[in-house]
Amino acid sequence: FNRLRDERSGSAFMTEAQREWVETRRLMLTVRPAAVVVVPSHWLRSLTFMLVHSRRFEVAIISAIACNVIFMALNLYPENKVLMQISVMTESVFMTVFILEAVLKLIALFPRAYFAVLWNCFDFFLVLV
């Protein structure tokens, strides 16, 4: 099986050094360099940069996401009016928190650095929807 695979991929006719070079090239094509994020020089952007990159901010956002999931899972049938009012209120609060997160990150990073991170693109898409 290995011999047939090597013949079909062309590696049966390569030396060991050539195989190593091909594997290194494949690895280089799959690995992307990490983007270097520079702290902004403007005092407001610098302050928001430090805020959105702090561990506490990250924990607060993850906690908000977890609480939002819990509140979304609390739908009961038949519908309870009090629970529905609480659900609408919490939905508004969480929406405000997530919009505020996106705005703060946009202020801190500006669009180019903000949208360079795929998680930020995903978050922004969810906020828009």
C-alpha atoms as a PDB file:
ATOM      1  CA  PHE A   1       0.000   0.000   0.000  1.00  0.00           C
ATOM      2  CA  ASN A   2       2.767   2.449   0.921  1.00  0.00           C
ATOM      3  CA  ARG A   3       4.648   1.656  -2.289  1.00  0.00           C
ATOM      4  CA  LEU A   4       1.539   2.341  -4.420  1.00  0.00           C
ATOM      5  CA  ARG A   5       0.833   5.561  -2.535  1.00  0.00           C
ATOM      6  CA  ASP A   6       4.412   6.712  -3.052  1.00  0.00           C
ATOM      7  CA  GLU A   7       4.243   5.895  -6.767  1.00  0.00           C
ATOM      8  CA  ARG A   8       1.008   7.849  -7.230  1.00  0.00           C
ATOM      9  CA  SER A   9       2.188  10.886  -5.264  1.00  0.00           C
ATOM     10  CA  GLY A  10       5.510  10.918  -7.077  1.00  0.00           C
ATOM     11  CA  SER A  11       7.558  10.431  -3.928  1.00  0.00           C
ATOM     12  CA  ALA A  12       8.737   6.978  -5.033  1.00  0.00           C
ATOM     13  CA  PHE A  13      11.169   8.667  -7.404  1.00  0.00           C
ATOM     14  CA  MET A  14      12.465  11.216  -4.866  1.00  0.00           C
ATOM     15  CA  THR A  15      15.534  11.010  -2.728  1.00  0.00           C
ATOM     16  CA  GLU A  16      15.192  11.370   1.029  1.00  0.00           C
ATOM     17  CA  ALA A  17      16.360  15.010   0.854  1.00  0.00           C
ATOM     18  CA  GLN A  18      13.762  15.784  -1.828  1.00  0.00           C
ATOM     19  CA  ARG A  19      10.985  14.179   0.236  1.00  0.00           C
ATOM     20  CA  GLU A  20      12.061  16.233   3.238  1.00  0.00           C
ATOM     21  CA  TRP A  21      12.051  19.421   1.111  1.00  0.00           C
ATOM     22  CA  VAL A  22       8.520  18.662  -0.182  1.00  0.00           C
ATOM     23  CA  GLU A  23       7.242  18.031   3.338  1.00  0.00           C
ATOM     24  CA  THR A  24       8.854  21.264   4.552  1.00  0.00           C
ATOM     25  CA  ARG A  25       7.171  23.188   1.717  1.00  0.00           C
ATOM     26  CA  ARG A  26       3.796  21.641   2.564  1.00  0.00           C
ATOM     27  CA  LEU A  27       4.238  22.607   6.187  1.00  0.00           C
ATOM     28  CA  MET A  28       5.245  26.165   5.257  1.00  0.00           C
ATOM     29  CA  LEU A  29       2.117  26.544   3.115  1.00  0.00           C
ATOM     30  CA  THR A  30      -0.174  25.481   5.958  1.00  0.00           C
ATOM     31  CA  VAL A  31       1.391  27.628   8.691  1.00  0.00           C
ATOM     32  CA  ARG A  32       0.498  31.315   8.792  1.00  0.00           C
ATOM     33  CA  PRO A  33       2.705  33.821  10.595  1.00  0.00           C
ATOM     34  CA  ALA A  34       1.230  35.494  13.651  1.00  0.00           C
ATOM     35  CA  ALA A  35       0.210  39.089  13.123  1.00  0.00           C
ATOM     36  CA  VAL A  36       2.082  41.599  15.239  1.00  0.00           C
ATOM     37  CA  VAL A  37      -0.304  43.973  16.972  1.00  0.00           C
ATOM     38  CA  VAL A  38       1.213  47.307  17.963  1.00  0.00           C
ATOM     39  CA  VAL A  39      -0.177  49.317  20.873  1.00  0.00           C
ATOM     40  CA  PRO A  40      -1.733  52.495  19.444  1.00  0.00           C
ATOM     41  CA  SER A  41      -0.125  55.833  20.260  1.00  0.00           C
ATOM     42  CA  HIS A  42      -3.366  57.785  20.796  1.00  0.00           C
ATOM     43  CA  TRP A  43      -4.308  57.803  24.497  1.00  0.00           C
ATOM     44  CA  LEU A  44      -7.955  56.728  23.965  1.00  0.00           C
ATOM     45  CA  ARG A  45      -7.092  53.921  21.579  1.00  0.00           C
ATOM     46  CA  SER A  46      -4.231  52.844  23.845  1.00  0.00           C
ATOM     47  CA  LEU A  47      -6.572  52.712  26.837  1.00  0.00           C
ATOM     48  CA  THR A  48      -9.184  50.674  24.960  1.00  0.00           C
ATOM     49  CA  PHE A  49      -6.421  48.442  23.559  1.00  0.00           C
ATOM     50  CA  MET A  50      -5.250  47.609  27.086  1.00  0.00           C
ATOM     51  CA  LEU A  51      -8.864  47.025  28.144  1.00  0.00           C
ATOM     52  CA  VAL A  52      -9.842  44.660  25.319  1.00  0.00           C
ATOM     53  CA  HIS A  53      -6.598  42.696  25.636  1.00  0.00           C
ATOM     54  CA  SER A  54      -6.911  42.257  29.399  1.00  0.00           C
ATOM     55  CA  ARG A  55      -7.723  38.880  30.920  1.00  0.00           C
ATOM     56  CA  ARG A  56     -10.629  40.357  32.913  1.00  0.00           C
ATOM     57  CA  PHE A  57     -12.307  41.684  29.767  1.00  0.00           C
ATOM     58  CA  GLU A  58     -11.982  38.295  28.099  1.00  0.00           C
ATOM     59  CA  VAL A  59     -13.410  36.503  31.137  1.00  0.00           C
ATOM     60  CA  ALA A  60     -16.285  39.010  31.328  1.00  0.00           C
ATOM     61  CA  ILE A  61     -17.191  38.469  27.661  1.00  0.00           C
ATOM     62  CA  ILE A  62     -17.000  34.683  27.976  1.00  0.00           C
ATOM     63  CA  SER A  63     -19.180  34.873  31.097  1.00  0.00           C
ATOM     64  CA  ALA A  64     -21.694  37.030  29.216  1.00  0.00           C
ATOM     65  CA  ILE A  65     -21.771  34.474  26.397  1.00  0.00           C
ATOM     66  CA  ALA A  66     -22.351  31.622  28.874  1.00  0.00           C
ATOM     67  CA  CYS A  67     -25.124  33.538  30.679  1.00  0.00           C
ATOM     68  CA  ASN A  68     -26.729  34.406  27.344  1.00  0.00           C
ATOM     69  CA  VAL A  69     -26.775  30.737  26.360  1.00  0.00           C
ATOM     70  CA  ILE A  70     -28.365  29.818  29.697  1.00  0.00           C
ATOM     71  CA  PHE A  71     -31.071  32.476  29.340  1.00  0.00           C
ATOM     72  CA  MET A  72     -31.782  31.395  25.759  1.00  0.00           C
ATOM     73  CA  ALA A  73     -32.212  27.812  26.981  1.00  0.00           C
ATOM     74  CA  LEU A  74     -34.783  28.840  29.619  1.00  0.00           C
ATOM     75  CA  ASN A  75     -37.754  29.002  27.265  1.00  0.00           C
ATOM     76  CA  LEU A  76     -40.719  27.204  28.807  1.00  0.00           C
ATOM     77  CA  TYR A  77     -44.003  26.048  27.271  1.00  0.00           C
ATOM     78  CA  PRO A  78     -46.653  27.156  28.028  1.00  0.00           C
ATOM     79  CA  GLU A  79     -45.087  30.590  28.097  1.00  0.00           C
ATOM     80  CA  ASN A  80     -44.772  32.360  31.422  1.00  0.00           C
ATOM     81  CA  LYS A  81     -45.288  36.148  31.088  1.00  0.00           C
ATOM     82  CA  VAL A  82     -42.753  37.028  33.792  1.00  0.00           C
ATOM     83  CA  LEU A  83     -40.127  34.739  32.279  1.00  0.00           C
ATOM     84  CA  MET A  84     -40.810  36.226  28.838  1.00  0.00           C
ATOM     85  CA  GLN A  85     -40.293  39.759  30.178  1.00  0.00           C
ATOM     86  CA  ILE A  86     -37.043  38.712  31.842  1.00  0.00           C
ATOM     87  CA  SER A  87     -35.954  36.997  28.624  1.00  0.00           C
ATOM     88  CA  VAL A  88     -36.609  40.129  26.534  1.00  0.00           C
ATOM     89  CA  MET A  89     -34.773  42.285  29.079  1.00  0.00           C
ATOM     90  CA  THR A  90     -31.723  40.021  29.272  1.00  0.00           C
ATOM     91  CA  GLU A  91     -31.640  39.720  25.493  1.00  0.00           C
ATOM     92  CA  SER A  92     -31.381  43.508  25.245  1.00  0.00           C
ATOM     93  CA  VAL A  93     -28.675  43.627  27.907  1.00  0.00           C
ATOM     94  CA  PHE A  94     -26.576  40.940  26.219  1.00  0.00           C
ATOM     95  CA  MET A  95     -27.017  42.545  22.812  1.00  0.00           C
ATOM     96  CA  THR A  96     -25.755  45.827  24.268  1.00  0.00           C
ATOM     97  CA  VAL A  97     -22.756  44.060  25.849  1.00  0.00           C
ATOM     98  CA  PHE A  98     -21.790  42.368  22.583  1.00  0.00           C
ATOM     99  CA  ILE A  99     -22.216  45.560  20.544  1.00  0.00           C
ATOM    100  CA  LEU A 100     -20.087  47.407  23.108  1.00  0.00           C
ATOM    101  CA  GLU A 101     -17.413  44.704  22.837  1.00  0.00           C
ATOM    102  CA  ALA A 102     -17.297  45.082  19.039  1.00  0.00           C
ATOM    103  CA  VAL A 103     -17.166  48.890  19.250  1.00  0.00           C
ATOM    104  CA  LEU A 104     -14.382  48.847  21.853  1.00  0.00           C
ATOM    105  CA  LYS A 105     -12.334  46.410  19.784  1.00  0.00           C
ATOM    106  CA  LEU A 106     -12.869  48.503  16.657  1.00  0.00           C
ATOM    107  CA  ILE A 107     -11.697  51.615  18.522  1.00  0.00           C
ATOM    108  CA  ALA A 108      -8.670  49.806  19.903  1.00  0.00           C
ATOM    109  CA  LEU A 109      -7.598  47.968  16.760  1.00  0.00           C
ATOM    110  CA  PHE A 110      -9.104  49.925  13.881  1.00  0.00           C
ATOM    111  CA  PRO A 111     -10.748  47.898  11.112  1.00  0.00           C
ATOM    112  CA  ARG A 112      -7.589  46.456   9.553  1.00  0.00           C
ATOM    113  CA  ALA A 113      -6.235  44.797  12.711  1.00  0.00           C
ATOM    114  CA  TYR A 114      -9.749  44.006  13.991  1.00  0.00           C
ATOM    115  CA  PHE A 115     -10.794  42.096  10.882  1.00  0.00           C
ATOM    116  CA  ALA A 116      -7.409  40.369  10.579  1.00  0.00           C
ATOM    117  CA  VAL A 117      -8.488  38.083  13.449  1.00  0.00           C
ATOM    118  CA  LEU A 118     -11.061  35.521  12.312  1.00  0.00           C
ATOM    119  CA  TRP A 119     -12.781  35.364  15.719  1.00  0.00           C
ATOM    120  CA  ASN A 120     -13.410  39.108  15.513  1.00  0.00           C
ATOM    121  CA  CYS A 121     -14.948  38.660  12.049  1.00  0.00           C
ATOM    122  CA  PHE A 122     -17.206  35.945  13.441  1.00  0.00           C
ATOM    123  CA  ASP A 123     -18.180  38.097  16.451  1.00  0.00           C
ATOM    124  CA  PHE A 124     -18.893  41.083  14.221  1.00  0.00           C
ATOM    125  CA  PHE A 125     -21.067  38.959  11.941  1.00  0.00           C
ATOM    126  CA  LEU A 126     -23.069  37.701  14.942  1.00  0.00           C
ATOM    127  CA  VAL A 127     -23.509  41.241  16.263  1.00  0.00           C
ATOM    128  CA  LEU A 128     -24.782  42.390  12.862  1.00  0.00           C
ATOM    129  CA  VAL A 129     -27.235  39.522  12.616  1.00  0.00           C
END
